[in-house]
Amino acid sequence: MSDTSVRWAKRVEEWRASGELAEEFSRREGYAASTLRWWASKLKREPEVRLARVVRAAPVASVDGAGTRPGMIVIEAMRAGARIAVESGADRATLAMVLDLLGCGVGAQP
């Protein structure tokens, strides 16, 4: 994402969080409401890309022979969201961090 896109994504996010009309918010911030709405529309059409650091550990043989790690957390990113599979014994702090990063943790807003 370009610097301009990042800057406008932040502005659009702040506008939505404010609950104000585009005209009110834009007037206060010093740019045109039509530009704010255009960027909101453009950013909505673009796929959101989130990056996460992935640390891979060597698989260990499981009881079923599948080669999974006990307590593994698997995340499948999809266009409409994410599917999270949590193995028995997963670290609660790690799972909480993953859910928070995905925006569906305990403090997440609907």
PDB file of N, CA and C in Angstrom:
ATOM      1  N   MET A   1       0.853  -1.166   0.000  1.00  0.00           N
ATOM      2  CA  MET A   1       0.000   0.000   0.000  1.00  0.00           C
ATOM      3  C   MET A   1       0.900   1.230   0.000  1.00  0.00           C
ATOM      4  N   SER A   2       0.597   2.199  -0.838  1.00  0.00           N
ATOM      5  CA  SER A   2       1.408   3.414  -0.930  1.00  0.00           C
ATOM      6  C   SER A   2       1.235   4.269   0.325  1.00  0.00           C
ATOM      7  N   ASP A   3       2.154   5.217   0.500  1.00  0.00           N
ATOM      8  CA  ASP A   3       2.060   6.129   1.647  1.00  0.00           C
ATOM      9  C   ASP A   3       0.743   6.901   1.627  1.00  0.00           C
ATOM     10  N   THR A   4       0.326   7.309   0.429  1.00  0.00           N
ATOM     11  CA  THR A   4      -0.935   8.048   0.293  1.00  0.00           C
ATOM     12  C   THR A   4      -2.113   7.176   0.711  1.00  0.00           C
ATOM     13  N   SER A   5      -2.126   5.922   0.257  1.00  0.00           N
ATOM     14  CA  SER A   5      -3.213   5.010   0.629  1.00  0.00           C
ATOM     15  C   SER A   5      -3.241   4.760   2.123  1.00  0.00           C
ATOM     16  N   VAL A   6      -2.075   4.598   2.721  1.00  0.00           N
ATOM     17  CA  VAL A   6      -1.993   4.376   4.174  1.00  0.00           C
ATOM     18  C   VAL A   6      -2.541   5.591   4.916  1.00  0.00           C
ATOM     19  N   ARG A   7      -2.151   6.794   4.457  1.00  0.00           N
ATOM     20  CA  ARG A   7      -2.611   8.024   5.102  1.00  0.00           C
ATOM     21  C   ARG A   7      -4.134   8.146   5.001  1.00  0.00           C
ATOM     22  N   TRP A   8      -4.694   7.859   3.811  1.00  0.00           N
ATOM     23  CA  TRP A   8      -6.149   7.966   3.645  1.00  0.00           C
ATOM     24  C   TRP A   8      -6.885   6.842   4.366  1.00  0.00           C
ATOM     25  N   ALA A   9      -6.292   5.673   4.447  1.00  0.00           N
ATOM     26  CA  ALA A   9      -6.921   4.578   5.200  1.00  0.00           C
ATOM     27  C   ALA A   9      -7.067   4.979   6.667  1.00  0.00           C
ATOM     28  N   LYS A  10      -6.047   5.641   7.203  1.00  0.00           N
ATOM     29  CA  LYS A  10      -6.106   6.107   8.589  1.00  0.00           C
ATOM     30  C   LYS A  10      -7.202   7.172   8.747  1.00  0.00           C
ATOM     31  N   ARG A  11      -7.279   8.083   7.783  1.00  0.00           N
ATOM     32  CA  ARG A  11      -8.306   9.128   7.838  1.00  0.00           C
ATOM     33  C   ARG A  11      -9.712   8.531   7.764  1.00  0.00           C
ATOM     34  N   VAL A  12      -9.892   7.577   6.865  1.00  0.00           N
ATOM     35  CA  VAL A  12     -11.206   6.934   6.717  1.00  0.00           C
ATOM     36  C   VAL A  12     -11.567   6.199   8.003  1.00  0.00           C
ATOM     37  N   GLU A  13     -10.606   5.504   8.591  1.00  0.00           N
ATOM     38  CA  GLU A  13     -10.853   4.782   9.850  1.00  0.00           C
ATOM     39  C   GLU A  13     -11.239   5.762  10.962  1.00  0.00           C
ATOM     40  N   GLU A  14     -10.528   6.887  11.056  1.00  0.00           N
ATOM     41  CA  GLU A  14     -10.846   7.896  12.072  1.00  0.00           C
ATOM     42  C   GLU A  14     -12.235   8.493  11.840  1.00  0.00           C
ATOM     43  N   TRP A  15     -12.570   8.739  10.564  1.00  0.00           N
ATOM     44  CA  TRP A  15     -13.894   9.279  10.232  1.00  0.00           C
ATOM     45  C   TRP A  15     -14.981   8.307  10.685  1.00  0.00           C
ATOM     46  N   ARG A  16     -14.830   7.036  10.335  1.00  0.00           N
ATOM     47  CA  ARG A  16     -15.855   6.043  10.703  1.00  0.00           C
ATOM     48  C   ARG A  16     -15.985   5.917  12.211  1.00  0.00           C
ATOM     49  N   ALA A  17     -14.860   5.978  12.906  1.00  0.00           N
ATOM     50  CA  ALA A  17     -14.891   5.869  14.366  1.00  0.00           C
ATOM     51  C   ALA A  17     -15.529   7.099  15.005  1.00  0.00           C
ATOM     52  N   SER A  18     -15.469   8.248  14.311  1.00  0.00           N
ATOM     53  CA  SER A  18     -15.999   9.492  14.879  1.00  0.00           C
ATOM     54  C   SER A  18     -17.527   9.523  14.927  1.00  0.00           C
ATOM     55  N   GLY A  19     -18.181   8.808  13.996  1.00  0.00           N
ATOM     56  CA  GLY A  19     -19.634   8.835  13.926  1.00  0.00           C
ATOM     57  C   GLY A  19     -20.178  10.096  13.280  1.00  0.00           C
ATOM     58  N   GLU A  20     -19.285  10.957  12.795  1.00  0.00           N
ATOM     59  CA  GLU A  20     -19.705  12.205  12.161  1.00  0.00           C
ATOM     60  C   GLU A  20     -20.036  11.988  10.686  1.00  0.00           C
ATOM     61  N   LEU A  21     -20.774  12.937  10.131  1.00  0.00           N
ATOM     62  CA  LEU A  21     -20.998  12.961   8.692  1.00  0.00           C
ATOM     63  C   LEU A  21     -19.680  13.309   8.019  1.00  0.00           C
ATOM     64  N   ALA A  22     -19.513  12.871   6.781  1.00  0.00           N
ATOM     65  CA  ALA A  22     -18.281  13.142   6.038  1.00  0.00           C
ATOM     66  C   ALA A  22     -18.005  14.638   5.970  1.00  0.00           C
ATOM     67  N   GLU A  23     -19.058  15.438   5.771  1.00  0.00           N
ATOM     68  CA  GLU A  23     -18.891  16.888   5.670  1.00  0.00           C
ATOM     69  C   GLU A  23     -18.340  17.496   6.965  1.00  0.00           C
ATOM     70  N   GLU A  24     -18.892  17.065   8.096  1.00  0.00           N
ATOM     71  CA  GLU A  24     -18.434  17.590   9.388  1.00  0.00           C
ATOM     72  C   GLU A  24     -16.986  17.221   9.645  1.00  0.00           C
ATOM     73  N   PHE A  25     -16.686  15.932   9.472  1.00  0.00           N
ATOM     74  CA  PHE A  25     -15.344  15.439   9.742  1.00  0.00           C
ATOM     75  C   PHE A  25     -14.323  16.103   8.818  1.00  0.00           C
ATOM     76  N   SER A  26     -14.633  16.154   7.521  1.00  0.00           N
ATOM     77  CA  SER A  26     -13.707  16.709   6.539  1.00  0.00           C
ATOM     78  C   SER A  26     -13.469  18.196   6.754  1.00  0.00           C
ATOM     79  N   ARG A  27     -14.508  18.919   7.082  1.00  0.00           N
ATOM     80  CA  ARG A  27     -14.369  20.360   7.331  1.00  0.00           C
ATOM     81  C   ARG A  27     -13.389  20.588   8.481  1.00  0.00           C
ATOM     82  N   ARG A  28     -13.548  19.841   9.542  1.00  0.00           N
ATOM     83  CA  ARG A  28     -12.672  19.979  10.707  1.00  0.00           C
ATOM     84  C   ARG A  28     -11.227  19.592  10.380  1.00  0.00           C
ATOM     85  N   GLU A  29     -11.063  18.566   9.548  1.00  0.00           N
ATOM     86  CA  GLU A  29      -9.725  18.063   9.225  1.00  0.00           C
ATOM     87  C   GLU A  29      -9.062  18.812   8.067  1.00  0.00           C
ATOM     88  N   GLY A  30      -9.851  19.550   7.285  1.00  0.00           N
ATOM     89  CA  GLY A  30      -9.271  20.388   6.248  1.00  0.00           C
ATOM     90  C   GLY A  30      -9.146  19.776   4.865  1.00  0.00           C
ATOM     91  N   TYR A  31     -10.058  18.874   4.515  1.00  0.00           N
ATOM     92  CA  TYR A  31     -10.087  18.347   3.148  1.00  0.00           C
ATOM     93  C   TYR A  31     -11.530  18.139   2.725  1.00  0.00           C
ATOM     94  N   ALA A  32     -11.733  17.879   1.440  1.00  0.00           N
ATOM     95  CA  ALA A  32     -13.083  17.782   0.883  1.00  0.00           C
ATOM     96  C   ALA A  32     -13.764  16.474   1.280  1.00  0.00           C
ATOM     97  N   ALA A  33     -15.045  16.573   1.603  1.00  0.00           N
ATOM     98  CA  ALA A  33     -15.827  15.387   1.955  1.00  0.00           C
ATOM     99  C   ALA A  33     -15.896  14.417   0.782  1.00  0.00           C
ATOM    100  N   SER A  34     -15.961  14.940  -0.431  1.00  0.00           N
ATOM    101  CA  SER A  34     -16.025  14.067  -1.614  1.00  0.00           C
ATOM    102  C   SER A  34     -14.751  13.233  -1.736  1.00  0.00           C
ATOM    103  N   THR A  35     -13.609  13.817  -1.375  1.00  0.00           N
ATOM    104  CA  THR A  35     -12.341  13.071  -1.419  1.00  0.00           C
ATOM    105  C   THR A  35     -12.346  11.976  -0.356  1.00  0.00           C
ATOM    106  N   LEU A  36     -12.837  12.288   0.829  1.00  0.00           N
ATOM    107  CA  LEU A  36     -12.918  11.302   1.906  1.00  0.00           C
ATOM    108  C   LEU A  36     -13.815  10.142   1.501  1.00  0.00           C
ATOM    109  N   ARG A  37     -14.973  10.440   0.923  1.00  0.00           N
ATOM    110  CA  ARG A  37     -15.887   9.375   0.492  1.00  0.00           C
ATOM    111  C   ARG A  37     -15.285   8.555  -0.651  1.00  0.00           C
ATOM    112  N   TRP A  38     -14.564   9.225  -1.575  1.00  0.00           N
ATOM    113  CA  TRP A  38     -13.933   8.510  -2.687  1.00  0.00           C
ATOM    114  C   TRP A  38     -12.911   7.517  -2.160  1.00  0.00           C
ATOM    115  N   TRP A  39     -12.066   7.970  -1.220  1.00  0.00           N
ATOM    116  CA  TRP A  39     -11.066   7.070  -0.649  1.00  0.00           C
ATOM    117  C   TRP A  39     -11.727   5.931   0.133  1.00  0.00           C
ATOM    118  N   ALA A  40     -12.796   6.209   0.851  1.00  0.00           N
ATOM    119  CA  ALA A  40     -13.507   5.154   1.591  1.00  0.00           C
ATOM    120  C   ALA A  40     -14.003   4.092   0.619  1.00  0.00           C
ATOM    121  N   SER A  41     -14.540   4.516  -0.508  1.00  0.00           N
ATOM    122  CA  SER A  41     -15.032   3.582  -1.522  1.00  0.00           C
ATOM    123  C   SER A  41     -13.886   2.799  -2.141  1.00  0.00           C
ATOM    124  N   LYS A  42     -12.810   3.488  -2.489  1.00  0.00           N
ATOM    125  CA  LYS A  42     -11.644   2.836  -3.102  1.00  0.00           C
ATOM    126  C   LYS A  42     -11.043   1.796  -2.160  1.00  0.00           C
ATOM    127  N   LEU A  43     -10.872   2.157  -0.900  1.00  0.00           N
ATOM    128  CA  LEU A  43     -10.260   1.241   0.062  1.00  0.00           C
ATOM    129  C   LEU A  43     -11.157   0.043   0.350  1.00  0.00           C
ATOM    130  N   LYS A  44     -12.466   0.233   0.271  1.00  0.00           N
ATOM    131  CA  LYS A  44     -13.406  -0.866   0.497  1.00  0.00           C
ATOM    132  C   LYS A  44     -13.293  -1.911  -0.615  1.00  0.00           C
ATOM    133  N   ARG A  45     -13.004  -1.445  -1.842  1.00  0.00           N
ATOM    134  CA  ARG A  45     -12.890  -2.350  -2.995  1.00  0.00           C
ATOM    135  C   ARG A  45     -11.562  -3.102  -3.010  1.00  0.00           C
ATOM    136  N   GLU A  46     -10.536  -2.534  -2.377  1.00  0.00           N
ATOM    137  CA  GLU A  46      -9.224  -3.175  -2.363  1.00  0.00           C
ATOM    138  C   GLU A  46      -9.186  -4.239  -1.274  1.00  0.00           C
ATOM    139  N   PRO A  47      -8.564  -5.366  -1.568  1.00  0.00           N
ATOM    140  CA  PRO A  47      -8.458  -6.388  -0.525  1.00  0.00           C
ATOM    141  C   PRO A  47      -7.521  -5.909   0.583  1.00  0.00           C
ATOM    142  N   GLU A  48      -7.903  -6.200   1.804  1.00  0.00           N
ATOM    143  CA  GLU A  48      -7.060  -5.837   2.942  1.00  0.00           C
ATOM    144  C   GLU A  48      -6.004  -6.907   3.111  1.00  0.00           C
ATOM    145  N   VAL A  49      -4.789  -6.475   3.265  1.00  0.00           N
ATOM    146  CA  VAL A  49      -3.690  -7.411   3.451  1.00  0.00           C
ATOM    147  C   VAL A  49      -3.091  -7.153   4.820  1.00  0.00           C
ATOM    148  N   ARG A  50      -3.108  -8.164   5.651  1.00  0.00           N
ATOM    149  CA  ARG A  50      -2.475  -8.070   6.962  1.00  0.00           C
ATOM    150  C   ARG A  50      -1.310  -9.036   6.978  1.00  0.00           C
ATOM    151  N   LEU A  51      -0.228  -8.591   7.515  1.00  0.00           N
ATOM    152  CA  LEU A  51       0.952  -9.438   7.588  1.00  0.00           C
ATOM    153  C   LEU A  51       1.174  -9.856   9.029  1.00  0.00           C
ATOM    154  N   ALA A  52       1.653 -11.052   9.184  1.00  0.00           N
ATOM    155  CA  ALA A  52       1.982 -11.551  10.515  1.00  0.00           C
ATOM    156  C   ALA A  52       3.280 -12.325  10.418  1.00  0.00           C
ATOM    157  N   ARG A  53       4.069 -12.248  11.443  1.00  0.00           N
ATOM    158  CA  ARG A  53       5.305 -13.009  11.487  1.00  0.00           C
ATOM    159  C   ARG A  53       4.947 -14.445  11.831  1.00  0.00           C
ATOM    160  N   VAL A  54       5.418 -15.358  11.008  1.00  0.00           N
ATOM    161  CA  VAL A  54       5.129 -16.772  11.219  1.00  0.00           C
ATOM    162  C   VAL A  54       6.425 -17.471  11.580  1.00  0.00           C
ATOM    163  N   VAL A  55       6.411 -18.170  12.696  1.00  0.00           N
ATOM    164  CA  VAL A  55       7.568 -18.952  13.118  1.00  0.00           C
ATOM    165  C   VAL A  55       7.170 -20.407  13.014  1.00  0.00           C
ATOM    166  N   ARG A  56       7.866 -21.123  12.174  1.00  0.00           N
ATOM    167  CA  ARG A  56       7.540 -22.532  11.972  1.00  0.00           C
ATOM    168  C   ARG A  56       8.437 -23.414  12.831  1.00  0.00           C
ATOM    169  N   ALA A  57       7.822 -24.355  13.460  1.00  0.00           N
ATOM    170  CA  ALA A  57       8.566 -25.343  14.232  1.00  0.00           C
ATOM    171  C   ALA A  57       8.447 -26.679  13.513  1.00  0.00           C
ATOM    172  N   ALA A  58       9.425 -27.517  13.704  1.00  0.00           N
ATOM    173  CA  ALA A  58       9.380 -28.830  13.074  1.00  0.00           C
ATOM    174  C   ALA A  58       8.194 -29.602  13.624  1.00  0.00           C
ATOM    175  N   PRO A  59       7.408 -30.239  12.721  1.00  0.00           N
ATOM    176  CA  PRO A  59       6.274 -31.024  13.207  1.00  0.00           C
ATOM    177  C   PRO A  59       6.749 -32.203  14.056  1.00  0.00           C
ATOM    178  N   VAL A  60       5.931 -32.565  15.000  1.00  0.00           N
ATOM    179  CA  VAL A  60       6.229 -33.743  15.810  1.00  0.00           C
ATOM    180  C   VAL A  60       5.179 -34.800  15.493  1.00  0.00           C
ATOM    181  N   ALA A  61       5.569 -36.023  15.575  1.00  0.00           N
ATOM    182  CA  ALA A  61       4.628 -37.105  15.278  1.00  0.00           C
ATOM    183  C   ALA A  61       3.511 -37.095  16.314  1.00  0.00           C
ATOM    184  N   SER A  62       2.298 -37.120  15.836  1.00  0.00           N
ATOM    185  CA  SER A  62       1.153 -37.153  16.740  1.00  0.00           C
ATOM    186  C   SER A  62       0.644 -38.584  16.838  1.00  0.00           C
ATOM    187  N   VAL A  63      -0.304 -38.757  17.721  1.00  0.00           N
ATOM    188  CA  VAL A  63      -0.877 -40.084  17.917  1.00  0.00           C
ATOM    189  C   VAL A  63      -1.484 -40.606  16.622  1.00  0.00           C
ATOM    190  N   ASP A  64      -2.120 -39.713  15.838  1.00  0.00           N
ATOM    191  CA  ASP A  64      -2.762 -40.151  14.610  1.00  0.00           C
ATOM    192  C   ASP A  64      -1.801 -40.177  13.420  1.00  0.00           C
ATOM    193  N   GLY A  65      -0.520 -39.797  13.662  1.00  0.00           N
ATOM    194  CA  GLY A  65       0.471 -39.846  12.603  1.00  0.00           C
ATOM    195  C   GLY A  65       0.387 -38.690  11.618  1.00  0.00           C
ATOM    196  N   ALA A  66      -0.403 -37.662  11.922  1.00  0.00           N
ATOM    197  CA  ALA A  66      -0.589 -36.553  10.991  1.00  0.00           C
ATOM    198  C   ALA A  66       0.576 -35.572  10.999  1.00  0.00           C
ATOM    199  N   GLY A  67       1.462 -35.667  11.952  1.00  0.00           N
ATOM    200  CA  GLY A  67       2.602 -34.768  11.999  1.00  0.00           C
ATOM    201  C   GLY A  67       2.258 -33.369  12.458  1.00  0.00           C
ATOM    202  N   THR A  68       1.316 -33.237  13.351  1.00  0.00           N
ATOM    203  CA  THR A  68       0.952 -31.917  13.862  1.00  0.00           C
ATOM    204  C   THR A  68       1.605 -31.696  15.219  1.00  0.00           C
ATOM    205  N   ARG A  69       1.703 -30.439  15.606  1.00  0.00           N
ATOM    206  CA  ARG A  69       2.245 -30.099  16.918  1.00  0.00           C
ATOM    207  C   ARG A  69       1.105 -30.020  17.919  1.00  0.00           C
ATOM    208  N   PRO A  70       1.278 -30.549  19.103  1.00  0.00           N
ATOM    209  CA  PRO A  70       0.249 -30.391  20.130  1.00  0.00           C
ATOM    210  C   PRO A  70       0.032 -28.906  20.431  1.00  0.00           C
ATOM    211  N   GLY A  71      -1.203 -28.504  20.538  1.00  0.00           N
ATOM    212  CA  GLY A  71      -1.512 -27.125  20.865  1.00  0.00           C
ATOM    213  C   GLY A  71      -1.383 -26.167  19.689  1.00  0.00           C
ATOM    214  N   MET A  72      -1.369 -26.681  18.496  1.00  0.00           N
ATOM    215  CA  MET A  72      -1.191 -25.857  17.304  1.00  0.00           C
ATOM    216  C   MET A  72      -2.421 -24.984  17.051  1.00  0.00           C
ATOM    217  N   ILE A  73      -2.176 -23.773  16.542  1.00  0.00           N
ATOM    218  CA  ILE A  73      -3.239 -22.859  16.142  1.00  0.00           C
ATOM    219  C   ILE A  73      -3.106 -22.669  14.638  1.00  0.00           C
ATOM    220  N   VAL A  74      -4.148 -23.004  13.887  1.00  0.00           N
ATOM    221  CA  VAL A  74      -4.123 -22.905  12.430  1.00  0.00           C
ATOM    222  C   VAL A  74      -5.069 -21.803  12.007  1.00  0.00           C
ATOM    223  N   ILE A  75      -4.574 -20.880  11.187  1.00  0.00           N
ATOM    224  CA  ILE A  75      -5.405 -19.781  10.694  1.00  0.00           C
ATOM    225  C   ILE A  75      -5.447 -19.864   9.180  1.00  0.00           C
ATOM    226  N   GLU A  76      -6.642 -19.929   8.622  1.00  0.00           N
ATOM    227  CA  GLU A  76      -6.831 -19.910   7.178  1.00  0.00           C
ATOM    228  C   GLU A  76      -7.468 -18.573   6.835  1.00  0.00           C
ATOM    229  N   ALA A  77      -6.710 -17.720   6.152  1.00  0.00           N
ATOM    230  CA  ALA A  77      -7.237 -16.407   5.764  1.00  0.00           C
ATOM    231  C   ALA A  77      -8.075 -16.567   4.511  1.00  0.00           C
ATOM    232  N   MET A  78      -9.274 -16.001   4.547  1.00  0.00           N
ATOM    233  CA  MET A  78     -10.181 -16.048   3.412  1.00  0.00           C
ATOM    234  C   MET A  78     -10.660 -14.636   3.131  1.00  0.00           C
ATOM    235  N   ARG A  79     -11.207 -14.415   1.962  1.00  0.00           N
ATOM    236  CA  ARG A  79     -11.662 -13.075   1.576  1.00  0.00           C
ATOM    237  C   ARG A  79     -12.661 -12.501   2.577  1.00  0.00           C
ATOM    238  N   ALA A  80     -13.576 -13.312   3.043  1.00  0.00           N
ATOM    239  CA  ALA A  80     -14.623 -12.819   3.932  1.00  0.00           C
ATOM    240  C   ALA A  80     -14.233 -12.868   5.406  1.00  0.00           C
ATOM    241  N   GLY A  81     -13.087 -13.392   5.730  1.00  0.00           N
ATOM    242  CA  GLY A  81     -12.703 -13.482   7.123  1.00  0.00           C
ATOM    243  C   GLY A  81     -11.618 -14.508   7.326  1.00  0.00           C
ATOM    244  N   ALA A  82     -11.689 -15.196   8.420  1.00  0.00           N
ATOM    245  CA  ALA A  82     -10.668 -16.185   8.737  1.00  0.00           C
ATOM    246  C   ALA A  82     -11.306 -17.367   9.445  1.00  0.00           C
ATOM    247  N   ARG A  83     -10.727 -18.533   9.250  1.00  0.00           N
ATOM    248  CA  ARG A  83     -11.139 -19.737   9.965  1.00  0.00           C
ATOM    249  C   ARG A  83      -9.997 -20.084  10.904  1.00  0.00           C
ATOM    250  N   ILE A  84     -10.294 -20.263  12.166  1.00  0.00           N
ATOM    251  CA  ILE A  84      -9.267 -20.550  13.157  1.00  0.00           C
ATOM    252  C   ILE A  84      -9.559 -21.904  13.778  1.00  0.00           C
ATOM    253  N   ALA A  85      -8.584 -22.798  13.703  1.00  0.00           N
ATOM    254  CA  ALA A  85      -8.694 -24.115  14.335  1.00  0.00           C
ATOM    255  C   ALA A  85      -7.693 -24.157  15.474  1.00  0.00           C
ATOM    256  N   VAL A  86      -8.155 -24.509  16.652  1.00  0.00           N
ATOM    257  CA  VAL A  86      -7.296 -24.516  17.830  1.00  0.00           C
ATOM    258  C   VAL A  86      -7.207 -25.938  18.361  1.00  0.00           C
ATOM    259  N   GLU A  87      -5.995 -26.452  18.389  1.00  0.00           N
ATOM    260  CA  GLU A  87      -5.755 -27.792  18.915  1.00  0.00           C
ATOM    261  C   GLU A  87      -5.781 -27.760  20.444  1.00  0.00           C
ATOM    262  N   SER A  88      -6.097 -28.863  21.031  1.00  0.00           N
ATOM    263  CA  SER A  88      -6.069 -29.001  22.478  1.00  0.00           C
ATOM    264  C   SER A  88      -4.655 -28.701  22.977  1.00  0.00           C
ATOM    265  N   GLY A  89      -4.566 -27.935  24.043  1.00  0.00           N
ATOM    266  CA  GLY A  89      -3.262 -27.612  24.616  1.00  0.00           C
ATOM    267  C   GLY A  89      -2.648 -26.341  24.059  1.00  0.00           C
ATOM    268  N   ALA A  90      -3.396 -25.590  23.234  1.00  0.00           N
ATOM    269  CA  ALA A  90      -2.861 -24.347  22.669  1.00  0.00           C
ATOM    270  C   ALA A  90      -2.607 -23.336  23.778  1.00  0.00           C
ATOM    271  N   ASP A  91      -1.592 -22.514  23.582  1.00  0.00           N
ATOM    272  CA  ASP A  91      -1.245 -21.490  24.553  1.00  0.00           C
ATOM    273  C   ASP A  91      -2.315 -20.394  24.523  1.00  0.00           C
ATOM    274  N   ARG A  92      -2.933 -20.119  25.666  1.00  0.00           N
ATOM    275  CA  ARG A  92      -4.031 -19.154  25.738  1.00  0.00           C
ATOM    276  C   ARG A  92      -3.583 -17.733  25.388  1.00  0.00           C
ATOM    277  N   ALA A  93      -2.395 -17.345  25.825  1.00  0.00           N
ATOM    278  CA  ALA A  93      -1.901 -15.996  25.544  1.00  0.00           C
ATOM    279  C   ALA A  93      -1.673 -15.811  24.042  1.00  0.00           C
ATOM    280  N   THR A  94      -1.136 -16.828  23.387  1.00  0.00           N
ATOM    281  CA  THR A  94      -0.912 -16.756  21.941  1.00  0.00           C
ATOM    282  C   THR A  94      -2.245 -16.671  21.207  1.00  0.00           C
ATOM    283  N   LEU A  95      -3.201 -17.492  21.606  1.00  0.00           N
ATOM    284  CA  LEU A  95      -4.520 -17.461  20.979  1.00  0.00           C
ATOM    285  C   LEU A  95      -5.182 -16.103  21.176  1.00  0.00           C
ATOM    286  N   ALA A  96      -5.083 -15.535  22.385  1.00  0.00           N
ATOM    287  CA  ALA A  96      -5.664 -14.214  22.646  1.00  0.00           C
ATOM    288  C   ALA A  96      -5.031 -13.163  21.745  1.00  0.00           C
ATOM    289  N   MET A  97      -3.708 -13.243  21.541  1.00  0.00           N
ATOM    290  CA  MET A  97      -3.015 -12.291  20.682  1.00  0.00           C
ATOM    291  C   MET A  97      -3.485 -12.436  19.234  1.00  0.00           C
ATOM    292  N   VAL A  98      -3.627 -13.678  18.758  1.00  0.00           N
ATOM    293  CA  VAL A  98      -4.089 -13.921  17.397  1.00  0.00           C
ATOM    294  C   VAL A  98      -5.496 -13.362  17.204  1.00  0.00           C
ATOM    295  N   LEU A  99      -6.387 -13.637  18.131  1.00  0.00           N
ATOM    296  CA  LEU A  99      -7.762 -13.137  18.034  1.00  0.00           C
ATOM    297  C   LEU A  99      -7.799 -11.618  18.063  1.00  0.00           C
ATOM    298  N   ASP A 100      -6.948 -11.016  18.889  1.00  0.00           N
ATOM    299  CA  ASP A 100      -6.885  -9.561  18.959  1.00  0.00           C
ATOM    300  C   ASP A 100      -6.404  -8.987  17.628  1.00  0.00           C
ATOM    301  N   LEU A 101      -5.386  -9.573  17.017  1.00  0.00           N
ATOM    302  CA  LEU A 101      -4.869  -9.103  15.729  1.00  0.00           C
ATOM    303  C   LEU A 101      -5.920  -9.222  14.634  1.00  0.00           C
ATOM    304  N   LEU A 102      -6.753 -10.244  14.713  1.00  0.00           N
ATOM    305  CA  LEU A 102      -7.814 -10.432  13.721  1.00  0.00           C
ATOM    306  C   LEU A 102      -9.031  -9.566  14.007  1.00  0.00           C
ATOM    307  N   GLY A 103      -9.021  -8.878  15.149  1.00  0.00           N
ATOM    308  CA  GLY A 103     -10.142  -8.014  15.477  1.00  0.00           C
ATOM    309  C   GLY A 103     -11.335  -8.743  16.054  1.00  0.00           C
ATOM    310  N   CYS A 104     -11.116  -9.949  16.577  1.00  0.00           N
ATOM    311  CA  CYS A 104     -12.243 -10.686  17.155  1.00  0.00           C
ATOM    312  C   CYS A 104     -11.916 -11.145  18.568  1.00  0.00           C
ATOM    313  N   GLY A 105     -11.046 -10.404  19.237  1.00  0.00           N
ATOM    314  CA  GLY A 105     -10.681 -10.736  20.608  1.00  0.00           C
ATOM    315  C   GLY A 105     -11.734 -10.250  21.593  1.00  0.00           C
ATOM    316  N   VAL A 106     -11.428 -10.357  22.862  1.00  0.00           N
ATOM    317  CA  VAL A 106     -12.357 -10.005  23.929  1.00  0.00           C
ATOM    318  C   VAL A 106     -12.793  -8.548  23.832  1.00  0.00           C
ATOM    319  N   GLY A 107     -11.879  -7.636  23.510  1.00  0.00           N
ATOM    320  CA  GLY A 107     -12.218  -6.219  23.453  1.00  0.00           C
ATOM    321  C   GLY A 107     -12.665  -5.751  22.088  1.00  0.00           C
ATOM    322  N   ALA A 108     -12.907  -6.668  21.159  1.00  0.00           N
ATOM    323  CA  ALA A 108     -13.274  -6.299  19.780  1.00  0.00           C
ATOM    324  C   ALA A 108     -14.648  -5.653  19.733  1.00  0.00           C
ATOM    325  N   GLN A 109     -14.778  -4.674  18.849  1.00  0.00           N
ATOM    326  CA  GLN A 109     -16.059  -4.005  18.624  1.00  0.00           C
ATOM    327  C   GLN A 109     -16.801  -4.739  17.516  1.00  0.00           C
ATOM    328  N   PRO A 110     -18.117  -4.891  17.606  1.00  0.00           N
ATOM    329  CA  PRO A 110     -18.867  -5.565  16.547  1.00  0.00           C
ATOM    330  C   PRO A 110     -18.918  -4.748  15.276  1.00  0.00           C
TER     331      PRO A 110
END
